[in-house]
Amino acid sequence: MAMYKVTIIMLFLGCFGCQSTRLPHLQSSTSDLWLSEEHFSGDVFAITSPDDIFALSEQTKQQLRYITGSKSLMPERTKAVMHYILKLADSELVYQHSATTTAQQTMQNGNANCLSLAILTYSIAWELGLQAVFQDVNIPEYWTSQNDTTWLNGHVNLRIKQSLIADTASSAISFGSDIIVDFDPYVLKKQFPSKTVSKQRIIAMFYNNKAAEAFADNNIAQAYRYYQASADADAEFAVTWSNLAVLYRQTGHYAKAELAYNYSLQLDPESLNTLANLAFLYQHIGDTKKAKLLQHQVAMKRQNNPYYYVMLGNETLQAKLYDNAKTYYRHAIKLNNKTHEAYFGLAVVYLELNQKEEAAYYLGRAKRNTLSENEQKRYQSKLDVLNQVARHY
């Protein structure tokens, strides 16, 4: 099967146990991995400070103290906090893929991705004296696309410790004496393995997401600033260096891109995303021998991942290779018949081919196979539009 074009940036939607430790074989300095800002175009502005990422306004703090003021026992206080957070998530917060915001911005704007919701929950918990830690969830490689950019998604959730609550709500599950807060029902259902992540790692993830947003807006200079801030927060976060290498490759700094990819692989040798991007770099600069070796290695490990074929389907769909796209989407469904993104891809293919009945069928399958209420509403709205159009013919 043909290899794919790789232009992937890691994005953490977390809602993504050992702390990061220094690896003995790492090069002692990363100074040769950086360039001066003058090499990149775009308008730069100040980076949000780590303290401001987690800060809550005095008004929010007062509201929280009022809610829990009559609850002196920690389990009761934890339960009140959980109900407060879940009420926000159900009625006032709107999930938005690209909205990586600080805790207080999430409260004010109501638009947030899951990393932002995890940050808000963490800030609320600590404000009320509850001990909370972030967890990196080991989900399968999963891609989404937005604004002609492919995102490889990571996931974090939050563990609130030292709680004795036995009952659960729709977005929290009991785990011994602790509570896991996760805003993704699919992750909750699957119960993927996870490990503790430091606050510094979350700060690095936040800056990576902001860099990805700037990158998508073609503000390369600002994206570069965010990667620098991410490295300052947690220099051993492999994703930062892999994403930085993507930036270098797309701006023509190929030698720096290779250095950054290799440094990222020293930190995380098993990252298929980084290996695939390095393969594309070698292919781009004409080193086909190295490219083919890495491509084969990556393809063998991804052949059982349905989302790999969804991504291939998306790329061939964008190229208007409709028969190829259908083949990829159907193979994804063969691997996992609950992959709603593949059904949606088939719906788009048939809509492009003006076969509206088939498109409606696959939209319905997509809706039935997603656990996300927001995705269900999105698919239903597209079905409504499609049915409305069909009535006019």
Protein backbone atom coordinates (compact mmCIF):
# COMPACT_ATOMS: atom_id res chain seq x y z
CA MET A 1 0.00 0.00 0.00
CA ALA A 2 1.29 3.45 -0.88
CA MET A 3 2.85 5.55 1.81
CA TYR A 4 1.17 8.78 2.76
CA LYS A 5 2.14 12.39 2.86
CA VAL A 6 2.94 13.33 6.46
CA THR A 7 2.27 16.82 7.77
CA ILE A 8 1.25 15.93 11.30
CA ILE A 9 1.54 18.00 14.45
CA MET A 10 0.77 16.47 17.83
CA LEU A 11 -2.21 18.12 19.50
CA PHE A 12 -3.25 17.32 23.06
CA LEU A 13 -7.00 17.35 23.59
CA GLY A 14 -6.61 15.86 27.04
CA CYS A 15 -9.72 15.19 29.11
CA PHE A 16 -4.14 12.91 26.90
CA GLY A 17 3.12 6.52 36.46
CA CYS A 18 6.30 7.83 36.16
CA GLN A 19 7.56 11.33 35.95
CA SER A 20 9.91 12.14 33.09
CA THR A 21 13.50 11.24 33.92
CA ARG A 22 16.68 12.29 32.20
CA LEU A 23 17.97 9.70 29.75
CA PRO A 24 21.71 9.03 29.98
CA HIS A 25 22.32 8.86 26.23
CA LEU A 26 20.83 12.27 25.40
CA GLN A 27 23.07 14.93 23.98
CA SER A 28 24.07 17.34 26.71
CA SER A 29 22.84 20.51 24.98
CA THR A 30 19.95 21.42 22.70
CA SER A 31 21.44 24.76 21.70
CA ASP A 32 22.24 23.53 18.19
CA LEU A 33 18.56 22.71 17.61
CA TRP A 34 17.47 26.35 17.57
CA LEU A 35 17.56 29.19 15.06
CA SER A 36 17.08 32.92 15.60
CA GLU A 37 13.51 34.22 15.28
CA GLU A 38 14.43 36.33 12.26
CA HIS A 39 14.27 33.20 10.12
CA PHE A 40 10.48 33.02 10.52
CA SER A 41 7.60 35.23 9.38
CA GLY A 42 4.59 36.32 11.40
CA ASP A 43 3.51 38.72 14.12
CA VAL A 44 4.80 37.76 17.55
CA PHE A 45 3.17 38.52 20.88
CA ALA A 46 3.75 37.68 24.51
CA ILE A 47 3.50 34.06 25.65
CA THR A 48 0.98 33.23 28.39
CA SER A 49 2.91 32.60 31.59
CA PRO A 50 2.67 29.21 33.35
CA ASP A 51 0.97 30.86 36.34
CA ASP A 52 -1.66 32.46 34.08
CA ILE A 53 -2.45 29.10 32.46
CA PHE A 54 -3.87 27.85 35.77
CA ALA A 55 -5.02 31.10 37.41
CA LEU A 56 -8.66 31.64 38.43
CA SER A 57 -10.27 35.04 38.90
CA GLU A 58 -11.24 36.21 42.37
CA GLN A 59 -14.90 36.03 41.31
CA THR A 60 -14.52 32.36 40.40
CA LYS A 61 -12.73 31.65 43.67
CA GLN A 62 -15.53 33.29 45.66
CA GLN A 63 -18.12 31.25 43.80
CA LEU A 64 -16.27 28.04 44.57
CA ARG A 65 -15.92 28.92 48.25
CA TYR A 66 -19.66 29.59 48.40
CA ILE A 67 -20.49 26.23 46.82
CA THR A 68 -18.33 24.23 49.22
CA GLY A 69 -18.50 26.47 52.28
CA SER A 70 -20.92 24.24 54.17
CA LYS A 71 -19.06 21.04 53.34
CA SER A 72 -16.20 20.47 55.75
CA LEU A 73 -15.67 16.80 54.92
CA MET A 74 -13.37 16.21 51.97
CA PRO A 75 -15.60 13.60 50.26
CA GLU A 76 -18.58 15.98 50.34
CA ARG A 77 -16.43 18.83 49.07
CA THR A 78 -15.10 16.66 46.26
CA LYS A 79 -18.63 15.65 45.30
CA ALA A 80 -19.76 19.29 45.21
CA VAL A 81 -16.80 20.20 43.00
CA MET A 82 -17.60 17.33 40.63
CA HIS A 83 -21.23 18.41 40.28
CA TYR A 84 -20.08 21.97 39.61
CA ILE A 85 -17.63 20.90 36.89
CA LEU A 86 -20.12 18.54 35.27
CA LYS A 87 -22.78 21.24 35.24
CA LEU A 88 -20.33 23.56 33.47
CA ALA A 89 -19.45 20.88 30.93
CA ASP A 90 -23.10 20.02 30.24
CA SER A 91 -24.59 23.51 30.02
CA GLU A 92 -22.00 26.25 29.64
CA LEU A 93 -18.93 24.79 27.96
CA VAL A 94 -18.84 24.03 24.25
CA TYR A 95 -16.21 21.62 22.98
CA GLN A 96 -14.04 23.21 20.30
CA HIS A 97 -11.16 21.24 18.81
CA SER A 98 -8.73 24.16 18.45
CA ALA A 99 -9.68 26.12 21.57
CA THR A 100 -6.74 25.68 23.93
CA THR A 101 -7.42 28.21 26.68
CA THR A 102 -6.30 29.05 30.19
CA ALA A 103 -8.46 28.05 33.13
CA GLN A 104 -10.07 31.47 33.43
CA GLN A 105 -10.52 31.88 29.66
CA THR A 106 -12.38 28.57 29.65
CA MET A 107 -14.69 29.93 32.36
CA GLN A 108 -15.26 33.18 30.49
CA ASN A 109 -15.55 32.02 26.88
CA GLY A 110 -17.31 28.70 27.25
CA ASN A 111 -15.33 27.20 24.32
CA ALA A 112 -12.63 24.72 25.18
CA ASN A 113 -10.96 21.49 24.17
CA CYS A 114 -10.44 18.73 26.69
CA LEU A 115 -6.92 19.78 27.68
CA SER A 116 -8.38 23.15 28.68
CA LEU A 117 -11.16 21.42 30.64
CA ALA A 118 -8.59 19.30 32.45
CA ILE A 119 -6.59 22.42 33.32
CA LEU A 120 -9.73 24.15 34.62
CA THR A 121 -10.66 21.11 36.71
CA TYR A 122 -7.15 20.95 38.14
CA SER A 123 -7.25 24.63 39.12
CA ILE A 124 -10.65 24.26 40.76
CA ALA A 125 -9.55 21.18 42.70
CA TRP A 126 -6.40 22.79 44.08
CA GLU A 127 -8.24 26.00 44.95
CA LEU A 128 -10.47 23.96 47.26
CA GLY A 129 -7.68 21.96 48.83
CA LEU A 130 -8.15 18.79 46.78
CA GLN A 131 -5.05 17.03 45.50
CA ALA A 132 -5.20 16.49 41.75
CA VAL A 133 -2.71 15.05 39.27
CA PHE A 134 -2.73 14.85 35.48
CA GLN A 135 -2.51 11.53 33.68
CA ASP A 136 -1.25 10.70 30.19
CA VAL A 137 -3.69 8.22 28.63
CA ASN A 138 -2.17 5.70 26.22
CA ILE A 139 -4.74 5.88 23.42
CA PRO A 140 -4.13 4.40 19.95
CA GLU A 141 -2.79 6.76 17.31
CA TYR A 142 -5.71 8.92 16.26
CA TRP A 143 -5.81 11.64 13.61
CA THR A 144 -8.24 14.43 12.84
CA SER A 145 -8.08 17.13 10.18
CA GLN A 146 -8.91 20.81 10.34
CA ASN A 147 -8.10 23.71 8.02
CA ASP A 148 -5.98 21.49 5.74
CA THR A 149 -3.83 20.44 8.70
CA THR A 150 -3.65 16.90 10.08
CA TRP A 151 -3.53 16.61 13.86
CA LEU A 152 -2.30 13.58 15.77
CA ASN A 153 -4.25 13.65 19.00
CA GLY A 154 -2.97 12.90 22.46
CA HIS A 155 -5.08 12.63 25.57
CA VAL A 156 -4.84 13.58 29.24
CA ASN A 157 -7.27 13.27 32.09
CA LEU A 158 -7.25 14.17 35.77
CA ARG A 159 -7.14 12.09 38.93
CA ILE A 160 -8.55 13.73 42.07
CA LYS A 161 -6.90 11.94 44.97
CA GLN A 162 -7.92 11.11 48.54
CA SER A 163 -11.64 11.03 47.86
CA LEU A 164 -14.04 8.44 49.26
CA ILE A 165 -16.98 9.07 46.93
CA ALA A 166 -18.64 5.85 45.79
CA ASP A 167 -21.16 7.18 43.24
CA THR A 168 -20.23 8.31 39.75
CA ALA A 169 -21.42 10.89 37.26
CA SER A 170 -21.44 10.73 33.50
CA SER A 171 -17.89 12.01 33.14
CA ALA A 172 -16.21 10.56 36.23
CA ILE A 173 -15.54 7.04 37.43
CA SER A 174 -14.52 5.73 40.82
CA PHE A 175 -11.08 4.23 41.09
CA GLY A 176 -10.35 2.99 44.55
CA SER A 177 -10.22 6.04 46.78
CA ASP A 178 -9.73 8.41 43.83
CA ILE A 179 -11.87 9.88 41.06
CA ILE A 180 -10.87 10.00 37.40
CA VAL A 181 -12.24 13.04 35.58
CA ASP A 182 -12.38 12.58 31.83
CA PHE A 183 -14.61 14.44 29.37
CA ASP A 184 -14.31 11.82 26.64
CA PRO A 185 -16.87 8.99 27.03
CA TYR A 186 -14.96 6.77 24.60
CA VAL A 187 -11.82 6.90 26.75
CA LEU A 188 -13.85 6.25 29.89
CA LYS A 189 -15.49 3.22 28.31
CA LYS A 190 -12.24 1.72 27.03
CA GLN A 191 -10.24 2.44 30.21
CA PHE A 192 -6.89 2.76 28.44
CA PRO A 193 -3.75 2.54 30.60
CA SER A 194 -2.39 5.82 31.91
CA LYS A 195 0.51 7.22 33.90
CA THR A 196 1.06 10.34 35.96
CA VAL A 197 2.18 13.47 34.10
CA SER A 198 3.88 16.43 35.77
CA LYS A 199 2.40 19.91 35.75
CA GLN A 200 5.42 21.03 33.70
CA ARG A 201 4.52 18.45 31.05
CA ILE A 202 0.96 19.87 30.90
CA ILE A 203 2.41 23.37 30.45
CA ALA A 204 4.53 22.02 27.57
CA MET A 205 1.42 20.42 26.04
CA PHE A 206 -0.46 23.73 26.36
CA TYR A 207 2.30 25.58 24.50
CA ASN A 208 2.42 22.84 21.83
CA ASN A 209 -1.30 23.27 21.22
CA LYS A 210 -0.91 27.04 20.97
CA ALA A 211 1.98 26.53 18.55
CA ALA A 212 -0.21 24.24 16.45
CA GLU A 213 -2.91 26.92 16.31
CA ALA A 214 -0.37 29.55 15.26
CA PHE A 215 1.09 27.14 12.72
CA ALA A 216 -2.35 26.54 11.20
CA ASP A 217 -2.79 30.33 10.93
CA ASN A 218 0.58 30.50 9.12
CA ASN A 219 2.10 32.57 11.93
CA ILE A 220 5.36 30.65 11.95
CA ALA A 221 7.25 33.09 14.16
CA GLN A 222 4.67 32.81 16.94
CA ALA A 223 4.55 29.03 16.63
CA TYR A 224 8.34 29.02 17.00
CA ARG A 225 8.05 31.09 20.20
CA TYR A 226 5.59 28.60 21.65
CA TYR A 227 7.92 25.68 20.92
CA GLN A 228 10.69 27.55 22.72
CA ALA A 229 8.36 28.07 25.71
CA SER A 230 7.41 24.39 25.63
CA ALA A 231 11.06 23.32 25.69
CA ASP A 232 11.71 25.71 28.59
CA ALA A 233 8.84 24.12 30.52
CA ASP A 234 9.83 20.50 29.84
CA ALA A 235 12.87 19.91 27.67
CA GLU A 236 12.31 16.14 27.67
CA PHE A 237 8.86 16.26 26.10
CA ALA A 238 9.61 14.49 22.81
CA VAL A 239 6.57 15.89 21.02
CA THR A 240 7.95 19.44 21.16
CA TRP A 241 11.06 18.51 19.19
CA SER A 242 9.09 16.47 16.65
CA ASN A 243 6.67 19.35 16.09
CA LEU A 244 9.56 21.81 15.87
CA ALA A 245 11.09 19.57 13.20
CA VAL A 246 7.85 19.78 11.19
CA LEU A 247 8.14 23.56 11.34
CA TYR A 248 11.76 23.41 10.19
CA ARG A 249 10.93 21.07 7.33
CA GLN A 250 8.10 23.21 6.06
CA THR A 251 10.27 26.33 6.18
CA GLY A 252 13.18 24.68 4.36
CA HIS A 253 15.58 24.20 7.28
CA TYR A 254 16.17 20.53 6.53
CA ALA A 255 19.39 20.00 8.51
CA LYS A 256 17.77 21.43 11.65
CA ALA A 257 14.66 19.33 11.01
CA GLU A 258 16.73 16.13 10.92
CA LEU A 259 18.51 17.08 14.15
CA ALA A 260 15.21 17.83 15.89
CA TYR A 261 13.58 14.60 14.70
CA ASN A 262 16.53 12.55 15.90
CA TYR A 263 16.57 14.28 19.27
CA SER A 264 12.83 13.59 19.62
CA LEU A 265 13.49 9.92 18.84
CA GLN A 266 16.17 9.78 21.54
CA LEU A 267 13.44 10.80 23.98
CA ASP A 268 10.75 8.56 22.49
CA PRO A 269 12.19 5.91 20.16
CA GLU A 270 8.77 4.27 19.61
CA SER A 271 6.99 7.35 18.23
CA LEU A 272 5.57 6.26 14.88
CA ASN A 273 4.54 9.83 14.14
CA THR A 274 8.11 11.08 14.43
CA LEU A 275 9.49 8.15 12.43
CA ALA A 276 6.94 8.77 9.67
CA ASN A 277 7.75 12.46 9.53
CA LEU A 278 11.48 11.75 9.44
CA ALA A 279 10.85 9.31 6.57
CA PHE A 280 9.02 12.05 4.68
CA LEU A 281 11.93 14.44 5.28
CA TYR A 282 14.38 11.90 3.82
CA GLN A 283 12.08 11.32 0.86
CA HIS A 284 11.78 15.08 0.33
CA ILE A 285 15.55 15.65 0.31
CA GLY A 286 16.19 12.63 -1.93
CA ASP A 287 17.57 10.11 0.57
CA THR A 288 15.21 7.38 -0.64
CA LYS A 289 17.08 4.49 1.00
CA LYS A 290 16.57 5.87 4.51
CA ALA A 291 13.03 6.94 3.65
CA LYS A 292 11.94 3.49 2.46
CA LEU A 293 13.45 1.78 5.50
CA LEU A 294 11.51 3.99 7.89
CA GLN A 295 8.34 3.88 5.80
CA HIS A 296 8.30 0.09 5.91
CA GLN A 297 8.90 0.08 9.66
CA VAL A 298 6.02 2.50 10.26
CA ALA A 299 3.61 0.81 7.84
CA MET A 300 4.10 -2.60 9.49
CA LYS A 301 3.21 -1.18 12.89
CA ARG A 302 0.21 0.82 11.63
CA GLN A 303 -1.42 -1.85 9.49
CA ASN A 304 -3.92 -2.79 12.23
CA ASN A 305 -4.84 0.78 13.18
CA PRO A 306 -8.16 1.85 11.60
CA TYR A 307 -7.38 5.54 12.08
CA TYR A 308 -4.31 5.16 9.89
CA TYR A 309 -6.61 4.16 7.05
CA VAL A 310 -9.04 6.96 7.90
CA MET A 311 -6.16 9.39 7.46
CA LEU A 312 -5.23 7.79 4.15
CA GLY A 313 -8.86 8.04 3.11
CA ASN A 314 -8.98 11.71 4.05
CA GLU A 315 -5.87 12.45 2.00
CA THR A 316 -7.09 10.60 -1.10
CA LEU A 317 -10.52 12.21 -0.71
CA GLN A 318 -8.89 15.63 -0.69
CA ALA A 319 -7.06 14.61 -3.89
CA LYS A 320 -10.45 13.57 -5.38
CA LEU A 321 -9.31 9.95 -5.72
CA TYR A 322 -12.72 8.69 -4.69
CA ASP A 323 -12.28 4.98 -5.38
CA ASN A 324 -9.06 4.94 -3.34
CA ALA A 325 -10.76 6.85 -0.53
CA LYS A 326 -13.62 4.34 -0.41
CA THR A 327 -11.13 1.48 -0.22
CA TYR A 328 -9.29 3.05 2.73
CA TYR A 329 -12.47 3.92 4.65
CA ARG A 330 -13.90 0.43 4.15
CA HIS A 331 -10.66 -1.14 5.34
CA ALA A 332 -10.84 1.02 8.48
CA ILE A 333 -14.38 -0.25 9.10
CA LYS A 334 -13.21 -3.82 8.55
CA LEU A 335 -10.63 -3.33 11.28
CA ASN A 336 -13.14 -1.65 13.62
CA ASN A 337 -16.79 -1.33 12.62
CA LYS A 338 -17.32 1.38 15.26
CA THR A 339 -15.01 3.86 13.52
CA HIS A 340 -17.52 6.66 12.91
CA GLU A 341 -14.95 8.82 11.09
CA ALA A 342 -14.71 6.16 8.36
CA TYR A 343 -18.49 6.12 7.88
CA PHE A 344 -18.44 9.90 7.66
CA GLY A 345 -15.64 9.74 5.10
CA LEU A 346 -17.73 7.39 2.96
CA ALA A 347 -20.68 9.77 3.29
CA VAL A 348 -18.54 12.63 1.98
CA VAL A 349 -17.27 10.48 -0.91
CA TYR A 350 -20.81 9.61 -2.00
CA LEU A 351 -21.93 13.20 -1.61
CA GLU A 352 -19.09 14.27 -3.90
CA LEU A 353 -20.30 11.62 -6.37
CA ASN A 354 -23.84 13.07 -6.06
CA GLN A 355 -25.16 9.78 -4.65
CA LYS A 356 -27.25 11.30 -1.88
CA GLU A 357 -29.03 8.15 -0.75
CA GLU A 358 -25.72 6.41 -0.02
CA ALA A 359 -24.37 9.55 1.62
CA ALA A 360 -27.38 9.69 3.96
CA TYR A 361 -26.95 6.00 4.82
CA TYR A 362 -23.32 6.44 5.87
CA LEU A 363 -24.08 9.64 7.79
CA GLY A 364 -26.61 7.64 9.76
CA ARG A 365 -24.01 4.94 10.43
CA ALA A 366 -21.55 7.61 11.56
CA LYS A 367 -24.10 9.05 13.98
CA ARG A 368 -24.95 5.64 15.44
CA ASN A 369 -21.31 4.76 16.05
CA THR A 370 -20.10 7.84 17.92
CA LEU A 371 -20.39 8.22 21.68
CA SER A 372 -19.91 11.98 21.49
CA GLU A 373 -23.11 13.96 21.81
CA ASN A 374 -21.52 16.86 19.91
CA GLU A 375 -20.56 14.54 17.04
CA GLN A 376 -24.07 13.07 16.99
CA LYS A 377 -25.52 16.56 16.67
CA ARG A 378 -23.05 17.41 13.92
CA TYR A 379 -23.93 14.31 11.91
CA GLN A 380 -27.65 14.89 12.46
CA SER A 381 -27.40 18.47 11.22
CA LYS A 382 -25.68 17.25 8.05
CA LEU A 383 -28.39 14.62 7.62
CA ASP A 384 -31.06 17.29 8.00
CA VAL A 385 -29.42 19.45 5.34
CA LEU A 386 -29.04 16.48 3.02
CA ASN A 387 -32.67 15.45 3.44
CA GLN A 388 -33.81 19.04 2.90
CA VAL A 389 -31.82 19.22 -0.33
CA ALA A 390 -33.21 15.87 -1.47
CA ARG A 391 -36.80 17.11 -1.06
CA HIS A 392 -36.13 19.86 -3.60
CA TYR A 393 -35.25 17.38 -6.36
